[in-house]
Amino acid sequence: MLKDLLKLNRSYRGYDESYTVTEEQLRKYVDLTRYAASSVNLQPLKYHISYEKDEVAAVQSMTKWARALPDMTLPHDGMHPTAFIIICQDTELAPNTAMFLKDVGIVAQTVLLAAVEDGIGGCMIGNFPPDKISEMLGFPENIVPLLILAIGKPAETVVLTDVKPDGSTKYYRDENDVHYVPKRKLEDLFC
């Protein structure tokens, strides 16, 4: 079951905008993060959920997607996510944000696996201006945005494929807009 969830948990960059992600769903996902590991158990991460259309559009406008596809604008018009979870760190609880980046990864994966289990999906977005997000959402100085999770009902096809002989792990899209994600073989993961 976990393997199936992991295979379905892709970085989706196209969503069904008719599907509404609810506040309750987002709160459920954030609640699950309370059970995740935290460095020295400090638990300095805080979350902002965006699910109202105007705020979702404002957050979307500040994100950049799919850096490996510079000639393509993703998500395509009409295929934006319908919610976001912004993972932040409360620097009053822990001032060193670098120390807790692994915690960010742990909670992000937790949220996205829960979303996949519910039949929806998401994408981790690290390319955004934290200061502008903070200003727009009215965060106090001690709340620092570290990662944005797009959440929605996927409306695209993502295919896992083996890394080609040239060794490139760069994802790509074909003429039908199918997204391909090369993965290394098991025997290539051992050192």
N, C-alpha and C. Protein backbone atom coordinates (compact mmCIF):
# COMPACT_ATOMS: atom_id res chain seq x y z
N MET A 1 0.82 -1.20 0.00
CA MET A 1 0.00 0.00 0.00
C MET A 1 0.87 1.26 0.00
N LEU A 2 1.91 1.31 0.82
CA LEU A 2 2.79 2.47 0.83
C LEU A 2 3.46 2.66 -0.53
N LYS A 3 3.91 1.56 -1.13
CA LYS A 3 4.55 1.66 -2.44
C LYS A 3 3.59 2.24 -3.47
N ASP A 4 2.33 1.83 -3.42
CA ASP A 4 1.34 2.37 -4.34
C ASP A 4 1.14 3.86 -4.12
N LEU A 5 1.05 4.29 -2.87
CA LEU A 5 0.91 5.72 -2.57
C LEU A 5 2.12 6.50 -3.07
N LEU A 6 3.31 5.96 -2.85
CA LEU A 6 4.53 6.64 -3.29
C LEU A 6 4.57 6.79 -4.81
N LYS A 7 4.12 5.77 -5.53
CA LYS A 7 4.10 5.85 -6.99
C LYS A 7 3.09 6.88 -7.49
N LEU A 8 1.98 7.02 -6.77
CA LEU A 8 0.96 8.00 -7.15
C LEU A 8 1.32 9.42 -6.71
N ASN A 9 2.22 9.54 -5.75
CA ASN A 9 2.59 10.85 -5.23
C ASN A 9 3.61 11.50 -6.16
N ARG A 10 3.14 12.13 -7.20
CA ARG A 10 3.98 12.79 -8.18
C ARG A 10 3.92 14.30 -7.95
N SER A 11 4.80 15.02 -8.59
CA SER A 11 4.74 16.49 -8.58
C SER A 11 3.80 16.90 -9.70
N TYR A 12 2.52 17.00 -9.36
CA TYR A 12 1.52 17.35 -10.37
C TYR A 12 1.57 18.83 -10.67
N ARG A 13 1.51 19.15 -11.95
CA ARG A 13 1.58 20.54 -12.39
C ARG A 13 0.37 20.93 -13.24
N GLY A 14 -0.68 20.12 -13.13
CA GLY A 14 -1.94 20.40 -13.82
C GLY A 14 -3.09 19.84 -13.00
N TYR A 15 -4.10 20.68 -12.76
CA TYR A 15 -5.19 20.31 -11.85
C TYR A 15 -6.55 20.61 -12.46
N ASP A 16 -7.55 19.90 -11.95
CA ASP A 16 -8.95 20.12 -12.31
C ASP A 16 -9.47 21.25 -11.44
N GLU A 17 -9.64 22.42 -12.04
CA GLU A 17 -10.07 23.59 -11.26
C GLU A 17 -11.52 23.51 -10.79
N SER A 18 -12.28 22.54 -11.29
CA SER A 18 -13.66 22.39 -10.81
C SER A 18 -13.72 21.67 -9.46
N TYR A 19 -12.61 21.04 -9.07
CA TYR A 19 -12.56 20.33 -7.79
C TYR A 19 -12.13 21.31 -6.70
N THR A 20 -12.93 21.42 -5.66
CA THR A 20 -12.62 22.32 -4.55
C THR A 20 -12.00 21.54 -3.41
N VAL A 21 -10.78 21.94 -3.03
CA VAL A 21 -10.15 21.39 -1.84
C VAL A 21 -10.73 22.19 -0.66
N THR A 22 -11.19 21.47 0.35
CA THR A 22 -11.87 22.14 1.46
C THR A 22 -10.90 22.51 2.59
N GLU A 23 -11.35 23.43 3.40
CA GLU A 23 -10.60 23.79 4.61
C GLU A 23 -10.42 22.56 5.50
N GLU A 24 -11.46 21.73 5.59
CA GLU A 24 -11.39 20.54 6.43
C GLU A 24 -10.30 19.57 5.95
N GLN A 25 -10.21 19.39 4.64
CA GLN A 25 -9.16 18.52 4.11
C GLN A 25 -7.78 19.05 4.48
N LEU A 26 -7.57 20.34 4.28
CA LEU A 26 -6.27 20.95 4.56
C LEU A 26 -5.93 20.86 6.05
N ARG A 27 -6.92 21.10 6.89
CA ARG A 27 -6.69 21.00 8.34
C ARG A 27 -6.35 19.55 8.73
N LYS A 28 -6.98 18.58 8.08
CA LYS A 28 -6.68 17.17 8.34
C LYS A 28 -5.22 16.87 7.99
N TYR A 29 -4.76 17.38 6.85
CA TYR A 29 -3.37 17.14 6.43
C TYR A 29 -2.38 17.79 7.40
N VAL A 30 -2.67 19.01 7.82
CA VAL A 30 -1.79 19.67 8.79
C VAL A 30 -1.81 18.92 10.11
N ASP A 31 -2.95 18.41 10.51
CA ASP A 31 -3.03 17.65 11.76
C ASP A 31 -2.10 16.44 11.72
N LEU A 32 -1.98 15.79 10.57
CA LEU A 32 -1.09 14.63 10.45
C LEU A 32 0.37 15.00 10.69
N THR A 33 0.74 16.23 10.41
CA THR A 33 2.15 16.63 10.59
C THR A 33 2.55 16.62 12.06
N ARG A 34 1.58 16.70 12.94
CA ARG A 34 1.89 16.67 14.38
C ARG A 34 2.53 15.35 14.80
N TYR A 35 2.31 14.30 14.02
CA TYR A 35 2.82 12.97 14.35
C TYR A 35 4.16 12.67 13.66
N ALA A 36 4.63 13.61 12.84
CA ALA A 36 5.89 13.41 12.13
C ALA A 36 7.07 13.74 13.05
N ALA A 37 8.21 13.17 12.70
CA ALA A 37 9.43 13.44 13.46
C ALA A 37 9.82 14.92 13.33
N SER A 38 10.48 15.43 14.38
CA SER A 38 10.98 16.80 14.36
C SER A 38 12.34 16.82 15.05
N SER A 39 13.29 17.52 14.44
CA SER A 39 14.64 17.61 15.01
C SER A 39 14.58 18.09 16.45
N VAL A 40 15.23 17.35 17.31
CA VAL A 40 15.25 17.56 18.77
C VAL A 40 13.85 17.86 19.33
N ASN A 41 12.84 17.41 18.62
CA ASN A 41 11.43 17.55 18.98
C ASN A 41 11.00 18.99 19.27
N LEU A 42 11.65 19.96 18.62
CA LEU A 42 11.29 21.37 18.84
C LEU A 42 9.97 21.75 18.18
N GLN A 43 9.62 21.10 17.06
CA GLN A 43 8.36 21.35 16.37
C GLN A 43 8.15 22.84 16.06
N PRO A 44 9.10 23.47 15.33
CA PRO A 44 8.98 24.89 15.06
C PRO A 44 8.18 25.24 13.81
N LEU A 45 7.65 24.23 13.12
CA LEU A 45 6.96 24.51 11.87
C LEU A 45 5.51 24.92 12.12
N LYS A 46 5.07 25.89 11.33
CA LYS A 46 3.69 26.39 11.37
C LYS A 46 3.17 26.34 9.94
N TYR A 47 1.87 26.42 9.79
CA TYR A 47 1.26 26.22 8.48
C TYR A 47 0.20 27.29 8.21
N HIS A 48 0.15 27.72 6.98
CA HIS A 48 -0.93 28.60 6.53
C HIS A 48 -1.65 27.87 5.42
N ILE A 49 -2.97 27.76 5.51
CA ILE A 49 -3.74 27.09 4.47
C ILE A 49 -4.49 28.14 3.64
N SER A 50 -4.42 27.98 2.34
CA SER A 50 -5.12 28.86 1.40
C SER A 50 -6.09 28.01 0.60
N TYR A 51 -7.37 28.35 0.67
CA TYR A 51 -8.39 27.60 -0.05
C TYR A 51 -9.45 28.51 -0.65
N GLU A 52 -9.43 29.80 -0.29
CA GLU A 52 -10.37 30.74 -0.89
C GLU A 52 -9.79 31.23 -2.21
N LYS A 53 -10.64 31.33 -3.24
CA LYS A 53 -10.17 31.56 -4.61
C LYS A 53 -9.22 32.74 -4.75
N ASP A 54 -9.56 33.88 -4.16
CA ASP A 54 -8.72 35.07 -4.34
C ASP A 54 -7.33 34.86 -3.74
N GLU A 55 -7.27 34.27 -2.56
CA GLU A 55 -5.97 34.05 -1.93
C GLU A 55 -5.18 32.99 -2.69
N VAL A 56 -5.85 31.93 -3.14
CA VAL A 56 -5.17 30.89 -3.92
C VAL A 56 -4.57 31.51 -5.18
N ALA A 57 -5.32 32.36 -5.85
CA ALA A 57 -4.82 33.02 -7.07
C ALA A 57 -3.62 33.91 -6.75
N ALA A 58 -3.67 34.60 -5.61
CA ALA A 58 -2.56 35.47 -5.22
C ALA A 58 -1.30 34.66 -4.93
N VAL A 59 -1.45 33.55 -4.21
CA VAL A 59 -0.30 32.69 -3.94
C VAL A 59 0.24 32.11 -5.25
N GLN A 60 -0.67 31.62 -6.10
CA GLN A 60 -0.27 31.06 -7.40
C GLN A 60 0.57 32.05 -8.20
N SER A 61 0.18 33.32 -8.15
CA SER A 61 0.88 34.34 -8.95
C SER A 61 2.32 34.55 -8.49
N MET A 62 2.65 34.10 -7.30
CA MET A 62 4.00 34.29 -6.76
C MET A 62 4.86 33.04 -6.85
N THR A 63 4.35 32.00 -7.46
CA THR A 63 5.11 30.75 -7.57
C THR A 63 5.63 30.55 -8.98
N LYS A 64 6.75 29.85 -9.07
CA LYS A 64 7.31 29.47 -10.36
C LYS A 64 7.45 27.95 -10.35
N TRP A 65 7.02 27.33 -11.44
CA TRP A 65 6.92 25.88 -11.52
C TRP A 65 7.84 25.32 -12.61
N ALA A 66 8.26 24.08 -12.43
CA ALA A 66 8.93 23.26 -13.46
C ALA A 66 10.15 23.96 -14.05
N ARG A 67 11.11 24.25 -13.21
CA ARG A 67 12.32 24.93 -13.66
C ARG A 67 13.04 24.16 -14.78
N ALA A 68 12.89 22.85 -14.80
CA ALA A 68 13.55 22.04 -15.84
C ALA A 68 12.87 22.17 -17.20
N LEU A 69 11.73 22.84 -17.25
CA LEU A 69 11.02 23.06 -18.52
C LEU A 69 10.89 24.57 -18.76
N PRO A 70 12.00 25.25 -19.01
CA PRO A 70 11.98 26.71 -19.08
C PRO A 70 11.15 27.30 -20.21
N ASP A 71 10.88 26.53 -21.25
CA ASP A 71 10.10 27.04 -22.38
C ASP A 71 8.60 26.80 -22.21
N MET A 72 8.21 26.30 -21.06
CA MET A 72 6.81 25.97 -20.83
C MET A 72 6.31 26.67 -19.57
N THR A 73 5.11 27.20 -19.63
CA THR A 73 4.50 27.80 -18.46
C THR A 73 3.54 26.79 -17.84
N LEU A 74 3.86 26.39 -16.63
CA LEU A 74 3.02 25.44 -15.91
C LEU A 74 2.66 26.04 -14.56
N PRO A 75 1.48 25.73 -14.05
CA PRO A 75 0.39 25.01 -14.71
C PRO A 75 -0.16 25.80 -15.91
N HIS A 76 -0.73 25.06 -16.86
CA HIS A 76 -1.38 25.70 -18.00
C HIS A 76 -2.59 26.48 -17.50
N ASP A 77 -2.99 27.50 -18.27
CA ASP A 77 -4.20 28.25 -17.91
C ASP A 77 -5.37 27.29 -17.75
N GLY A 78 -6.16 27.50 -16.71
CA GLY A 78 -7.32 26.65 -16.43
C GLY A 78 -6.98 25.36 -15.72
N MET A 79 -5.69 25.19 -15.30
CA MET A 79 -5.27 23.95 -14.64
C MET A 79 -4.49 24.23 -13.36
N HIS A 80 -4.89 25.28 -12.66
CA HIS A 80 -4.19 25.65 -11.43
C HIS A 80 -4.71 24.86 -10.23
N PRO A 81 -3.88 24.71 -9.19
CA PRO A 81 -4.36 24.03 -7.98
C PRO A 81 -5.43 24.87 -7.32
N THR A 82 -6.25 24.24 -6.51
CA THR A 82 -7.34 24.98 -5.84
C THR A 82 -7.05 25.22 -4.37
N ALA A 83 -5.84 24.88 -3.93
CA ALA A 83 -5.45 25.16 -2.54
C ALA A 83 -3.93 25.13 -2.42
N PHE A 84 -3.46 25.74 -1.34
CA PHE A 84 -2.03 25.69 -1.00
C PHE A 84 -1.88 25.52 0.50
N ILE A 85 -0.81 24.86 0.88
CA ILE A 85 -0.37 24.84 2.28
C ILE A 85 1.03 25.44 2.27
N ILE A 86 1.20 26.49 3.04
CA ILE A 86 2.51 27.13 3.12
C ILE A 86 3.15 26.68 4.43
N ILE A 87 4.29 26.01 4.30
CA ILE A 87 5.03 25.52 5.47
C ILE A 87 6.01 26.61 5.88
N CYS A 88 5.90 27.02 7.13
CA CYS A 88 6.71 28.11 7.66
C CYS A 88 7.46 27.64 8.90
N GLN A 89 8.44 28.42 9.31
CA GLN A 89 9.11 28.17 10.59
C GLN A 89 8.92 29.37 11.49
N ASP A 90 8.58 29.08 12.73
CA ASP A 90 8.47 30.11 13.76
C ASP A 90 9.86 30.30 14.36
N THR A 91 10.51 31.40 14.01
CA THR A 91 11.89 31.61 14.46
C THR A 91 11.97 31.99 15.93
N GLU A 92 10.84 32.25 16.57
CA GLU A 92 10.86 32.42 18.03
C GLU A 92 11.04 31.07 18.72
N LEU A 93 10.57 30.01 18.08
CA LEU A 93 10.74 28.66 18.63
C LEU A 93 12.12 28.10 18.28
N ALA A 94 12.62 28.45 17.09
CA ALA A 94 13.94 27.98 16.64
C ALA A 94 14.43 28.94 15.56
N PRO A 95 15.46 29.72 15.85
CA PRO A 95 15.90 30.74 14.89
C PRO A 95 16.63 30.20 13.66
N ASN A 96 17.23 29.02 13.73
CA ASN A 96 18.03 28.48 12.63
C ASN A 96 17.14 27.69 11.67
N THR A 97 16.75 28.32 10.56
CA THR A 97 15.86 27.63 9.62
C THR A 97 16.57 26.48 8.90
N ALA A 98 17.86 26.59 8.68
CA ALA A 98 18.59 25.51 7.98
C ALA A 98 18.54 24.20 8.77
N MET A 99 18.51 24.30 10.09
CA MET A 99 18.51 23.10 10.93
C MET A 99 17.23 22.28 10.75
N PHE A 100 16.16 22.91 10.30
CA PHE A 100 14.87 22.23 10.26
C PHE A 100 14.37 21.96 8.84
N LEU A 101 15.26 22.10 7.85
CA LEU A 101 14.84 21.83 6.48
C LEU A 101 14.46 20.36 6.28
N LYS A 102 15.12 19.46 7.00
CA LYS A 102 14.72 18.05 6.88
C LYS A 102 13.31 17.84 7.43
N ASP A 103 12.97 18.59 8.47
CA ASP A 103 11.61 18.51 9.01
C ASP A 103 10.59 18.96 7.96
N VAL A 104 10.95 20.01 7.21
CA VAL A 104 10.08 20.50 6.15
C VAL A 104 9.81 19.39 5.14
N GLY A 105 10.86 18.67 4.74
CA GLY A 105 10.69 17.56 3.81
C GLY A 105 9.82 16.45 4.36
N ILE A 106 10.01 16.16 5.63
CA ILE A 106 9.22 15.10 6.27
C ILE A 106 7.74 15.47 6.28
N VAL A 107 7.41 16.69 6.70
CA VAL A 107 5.99 17.07 6.78
C VAL A 107 5.39 17.26 5.40
N ALA A 108 6.19 17.73 4.44
CA ALA A 108 5.67 17.89 3.08
C ALA A 108 5.29 16.54 2.50
N GLN A 109 6.15 15.55 2.68
CA GLN A 109 5.84 14.20 2.18
C GLN A 109 4.63 13.63 2.91
N THR A 110 4.53 13.88 4.19
CA THR A 110 3.37 13.41 4.97
C THR A 110 2.08 13.97 4.39
N VAL A 111 2.05 15.28 4.15
CA VAL A 111 0.85 15.93 3.60
C VAL A 111 0.52 15.37 2.22
N LEU A 112 1.52 15.26 1.36
CA LEU A 112 1.24 14.82 0.00
C LEU A 112 0.80 13.37 -0.07
N LEU A 113 1.35 12.52 0.78
CA LEU A 113 0.89 11.13 0.81
C LEU A 113 -0.56 11.06 1.30
N ALA A 114 -0.91 11.88 2.27
CA ALA A 114 -2.30 11.92 2.75
C ALA A 114 -3.24 12.41 1.64
N ALA A 115 -2.79 13.39 0.87
CA ALA A 115 -3.60 13.90 -0.23
C ALA A 115 -3.83 12.81 -1.27
N VAL A 116 -2.76 12.09 -1.62
CA VAL A 116 -2.88 11.00 -2.59
C VAL A 116 -3.84 9.94 -2.07
N GLU A 117 -3.75 9.64 -0.80
CA GLU A 117 -4.66 8.65 -0.21
C GLU A 117 -6.12 9.09 -0.36
N ASP A 118 -6.36 10.41 -0.38
CA ASP A 118 -7.71 10.96 -0.57
C ASP A 118 -8.10 11.10 -2.04
N GLY A 119 -7.22 10.69 -2.95
CA GLY A 119 -7.54 10.78 -4.37
C GLY A 119 -7.20 12.12 -5.00
N ILE A 120 -6.44 12.94 -4.29
CA ILE A 120 -5.98 14.20 -4.88
C ILE A 120 -4.45 14.18 -4.88
N GLY A 121 -3.81 15.29 -5.10
CA GLY A 121 -2.35 15.30 -5.16
C GLY A 121 -1.80 16.69 -4.99
N GLY A 122 -0.52 16.83 -5.24
CA GLY A 122 0.08 18.13 -5.05
C GLY A 122 1.46 18.24 -5.66
N CYS A 123 2.12 19.33 -5.30
CA CYS A 123 3.46 19.60 -5.80
C CYS A 123 4.18 20.48 -4.78
N MET A 124 5.43 20.13 -4.48
CA MET A 124 6.26 20.97 -3.61
C MET A 124 6.84 22.09 -4.45
N ILE A 125 6.72 23.32 -3.97
CA ILE A 125 7.21 24.47 -4.71
C ILE A 125 8.17 25.25 -3.82
N GLY A 126 9.43 25.31 -4.24
CA GLY A 126 10.43 26.05 -3.50
C GLY A 126 10.80 27.37 -4.16
N ASN A 127 10.29 27.60 -5.37
CA ASN A 127 10.64 28.79 -6.13
C ASN A 127 9.55 29.84 -5.95
N PHE A 128 9.72 30.68 -4.93
CA PHE A 128 8.78 31.76 -4.61
C PHE A 128 9.52 32.78 -3.76
N PRO A 129 9.05 34.04 -3.70
CA PRO A 129 9.68 35.06 -2.86
C PRO A 129 9.10 35.04 -1.44
N PRO A 130 9.82 34.48 -0.47
CA PRO A 130 9.27 34.37 0.89
C PRO A 130 8.83 35.71 1.48
N ASP A 131 9.60 36.76 1.23
CA ASP A 131 9.25 38.06 1.80
C ASP A 131 7.93 38.58 1.24
N LYS A 132 7.69 38.39 -0.04
CA LYS A 132 6.43 38.85 -0.65
C LYS A 132 5.25 38.01 -0.19
N ILE A 133 5.46 36.70 -0.03
CA ILE A 133 4.40 35.83 0.51
C ILE A 133 4.05 36.29 1.93
N SER A 134 5.07 36.53 2.75
CA SER A 134 4.85 36.98 4.13
C SER A 134 4.06 38.28 4.17
N GLU A 135 4.47 39.21 3.32
CA GLU A 135 3.79 40.51 3.28
C GLU A 135 2.34 40.36 2.84
N MET A 136 2.13 39.61 1.78
CA MET A 136 0.77 39.43 1.25
C MET A 136 -0.16 38.79 2.29
N LEU A 137 0.36 37.80 3.02
CA LEU A 137 -0.47 37.07 3.97
C LEU A 137 -0.44 37.67 5.37
N GLY A 138 0.35 38.72 5.56
CA GLY A 138 0.37 39.41 6.86
C GLY A 138 1.05 38.62 7.96
N PHE A 139 2.06 37.83 7.60
CA PHE A 139 2.77 37.06 8.62
C PHE A 139 3.60 37.99 9.50
N PRO A 140 3.69 37.69 10.79
CA PRO A 140 4.61 38.44 11.64
C PRO A 140 6.06 38.10 11.27
N GLU A 141 6.98 38.90 11.72
CA GLU A 141 8.39 38.76 11.35
C GLU A 141 8.97 37.39 11.69
N ASN A 142 8.47 36.75 12.74
CA ASN A 142 9.02 35.47 13.19
C ASN A 142 8.50 34.27 12.39
N ILE A 143 7.58 34.47 11.47
CA ILE A 143 7.04 33.37 10.66
C ILE A 143 7.66 33.46 9.26
N VAL A 144 8.51 32.46 8.95
CA VAL A 144 9.29 32.47 7.71
C VAL A 144 8.80 31.35 6.78
N PRO A 145 8.24 31.69 5.61
CA PRO A 145 7.83 30.66 4.66
C PRO A 145 9.04 29.90 4.10
N LEU A 146 8.95 28.56 4.12
CA LEU A 146 10.05 27.73 3.64
C LEU A 146 9.69 26.90 2.41
N LEU A 147 8.45 26.49 2.30
CA LEU A 147 8.02 25.64 1.18
C LEU A 147 6.52 25.82 0.99
N ILE A 148 6.10 25.79 -0.26
CA ILE A 148 4.68 25.87 -0.58
C ILE A 148 4.26 24.53 -1.20
N LEU A 149 3.14 24.02 -0.73
CA LEU A 149 2.55 22.80 -1.30
C LEU A 149 1.29 23.18 -2.07
N ALA A 150 1.29 22.92 -3.37
CA ALA A 150 0.07 23.06 -4.16
C ALA A 150 -0.75 21.81 -3.91
N ILE A 151 -2.06 21.98 -3.78
CA ILE A 151 -2.95 20.84 -3.53
C ILE A 151 -4.14 20.96 -4.47
N GLY A 152 -4.52 19.83 -5.09
CA GLY A 152 -5.68 19.82 -5.97
C GLY A 152 -5.91 18.45 -6.56
N LYS A 153 -6.90 18.37 -7.41
CA LYS A 153 -7.24 17.13 -8.11
C LYS A 153 -6.42 17.08 -9.40
N PRO A 154 -5.44 16.15 -9.50
CA PRO A 154 -4.60 16.10 -10.70
C PRO A 154 -5.42 15.93 -11.98
N ALA A 155 -5.00 16.66 -13.01
CA ALA A 155 -5.65 16.58 -14.32
C ALA A 155 -4.57 16.45 -15.39
N GLU A 156 -3.61 15.60 -15.14
CA GLU A 156 -2.55 15.35 -16.10
C GLU A 156 -2.04 13.94 -15.89
N THR A 157 -1.33 13.45 -16.88
CA THR A 157 -0.74 12.12 -16.80
C THR A 157 0.74 12.25 -16.50
N VAL A 158 1.19 11.55 -15.46
CA VAL A 158 2.60 11.51 -15.10
C VAL A 158 3.04 10.05 -15.18
N VAL A 159 4.13 9.81 -15.90
CA VAL A 159 4.62 8.45 -16.13
C VAL A 159 6.02 8.33 -15.55
N LEU A 160 6.22 7.33 -14.70
CA LEU A 160 7.56 7.02 -14.21
C LEU A 160 8.25 6.15 -15.26
N THR A 161 9.50 6.46 -15.53
CA THR A 161 10.27 5.73 -16.52
C THR A 161 11.69 5.53 -16.00
N ASP A 162 12.42 4.59 -16.56
CA ASP A 162 13.81 4.38 -16.16
C ASP A 162 14.70 5.49 -16.69
N VAL A 163 15.74 5.81 -15.96
CA VAL A 163 16.75 6.74 -16.44
C VAL A 163 17.37 6.14 -17.70
N LYS A 164 17.53 6.97 -18.71
CA LYS A 164 18.11 6.50 -19.98
C LYS A 164 19.61 6.29 -19.84
N PRO A 165 20.21 5.60 -20.79
CA PRO A 165 21.66 5.31 -20.71
C PRO A 165 22.55 6.54 -20.54
N ASP A 166 22.08 7.71 -20.99
CA ASP A 166 22.90 8.92 -20.83
C ASP A 166 22.94 9.41 -19.39
N GLY A 167 22.11 8.80 -18.51
CA GLY A 167 22.12 9.14 -17.09
C GLY A 167 21.29 10.35 -16.70
N SER A 168 20.61 10.99 -17.64
CA SER A 168 19.83 12.19 -17.33
C SER A 168 18.59 11.85 -16.50
N THR A 169 18.39 12.60 -15.45
CA THR A 169 17.18 12.46 -14.62
C THR A 169 16.20 13.60 -14.89
N LYS A 170 16.46 14.40 -15.90
CA LYS A 170 15.62 15.55 -16.22
C LYS A 170 14.24 15.07 -16.68
N TYR A 171 13.20 15.61 -16.05
CA TYR A 171 11.85 15.27 -16.48
C TYR A 171 11.54 16.01 -17.78
N TYR A 172 10.53 15.49 -18.51
CA TYR A 172 10.20 16.06 -19.81
C TYR A 172 8.75 15.77 -20.14
N ARG A 173 8.24 16.44 -21.15
CA ARG A 173 6.88 16.23 -21.64
C ARG A 173 6.91 15.89 -23.11
N ASP A 174 5.97 15.04 -23.51
CA ASP A 174 5.89 14.70 -24.93
C ASP A 174 4.90 15.63 -25.63
N GLU A 175 4.66 15.36 -26.92
CA GLU A 175 3.78 16.22 -27.72
C GLU A 175 2.33 16.18 -27.24
N ASN A 176 1.96 15.19 -26.42
CA ASN A 176 0.60 15.10 -25.86
C ASN A 176 0.52 15.66 -24.45
N ASP A 177 1.59 16.33 -24.01
CA ASP A 177 1.68 16.94 -22.69
C ASP A 177 1.73 15.91 -21.55
N VAL A 178 2.12 14.68 -21.88
CA VAL A 178 2.33 13.65 -20.86
C VAL A 178 3.68 13.95 -20.21
N HIS A 179 3.71 13.94 -18.89
CA HIS A 179 4.90 14.29 -18.12
C HIS A 179 5.64 13.00 -17.75
N TYR A 180 6.93 12.92 -18.10
CA TYR A 180 7.74 11.74 -17.83
C TYR A 180 8.79 12.07 -16.77
N VAL A 181 8.92 11.16 -15.80
CA VAL A 181 9.85 11.34 -14.69
C VAL A 181 10.80 10.15 -14.64
N PRO A 182 12.05 10.34 -15.09
CA PRO A 182 13.02 9.24 -15.04
C PRO A 182 13.44 8.92 -13.61
N LYS A 183 13.48 7.64 -13.28
CA LYS A 183 13.90 7.16 -11.96
C LYS A 183 15.05 6.18 -12.12
N ARG A 184 16.01 6.29 -11.20
CA ARG A 184 17.15 5.37 -11.24
C ARG A 184 16.68 3.97 -10.87
N LYS A 185 17.39 2.95 -11.37
CA LYS A 185 17.09 1.56 -11.04
C LYS A 185 17.60 1.27 -9.63
N LEU A 186 17.01 0.29 -8.99
CA LEU A 186 17.37 -0.08 -7.62
C LEU A 186 18.86 -0.34 -7.49
N GLU A 187 19.43 -1.07 -8.42
CA GLU A 187 20.86 -1.41 -8.30
C GLU A 187 21.77 -0.18 -8.39
N ASP A 188 21.26 0.91 -8.93
CA ASP A 188 22.05 2.14 -9.04
C ASP A 188 22.01 2.98 -7.76
N LEU A 189 21.21 2.57 -6.79
CA LEU A 189 21.07 3.36 -5.55
C LEU A 189 22.05 2.98 -4.46
N PHE A 190 22.73 1.86 -4.63
CA PHE A 190 23.63 1.41 -3.59
C PHE A 190 25.04 1.92 -3.82
N CYS A 191 25.74 2.27 -2.72
CA CYS A 191 27.12 2.73 -2.85
C CYS A 191 28.07 1.72 -2.24
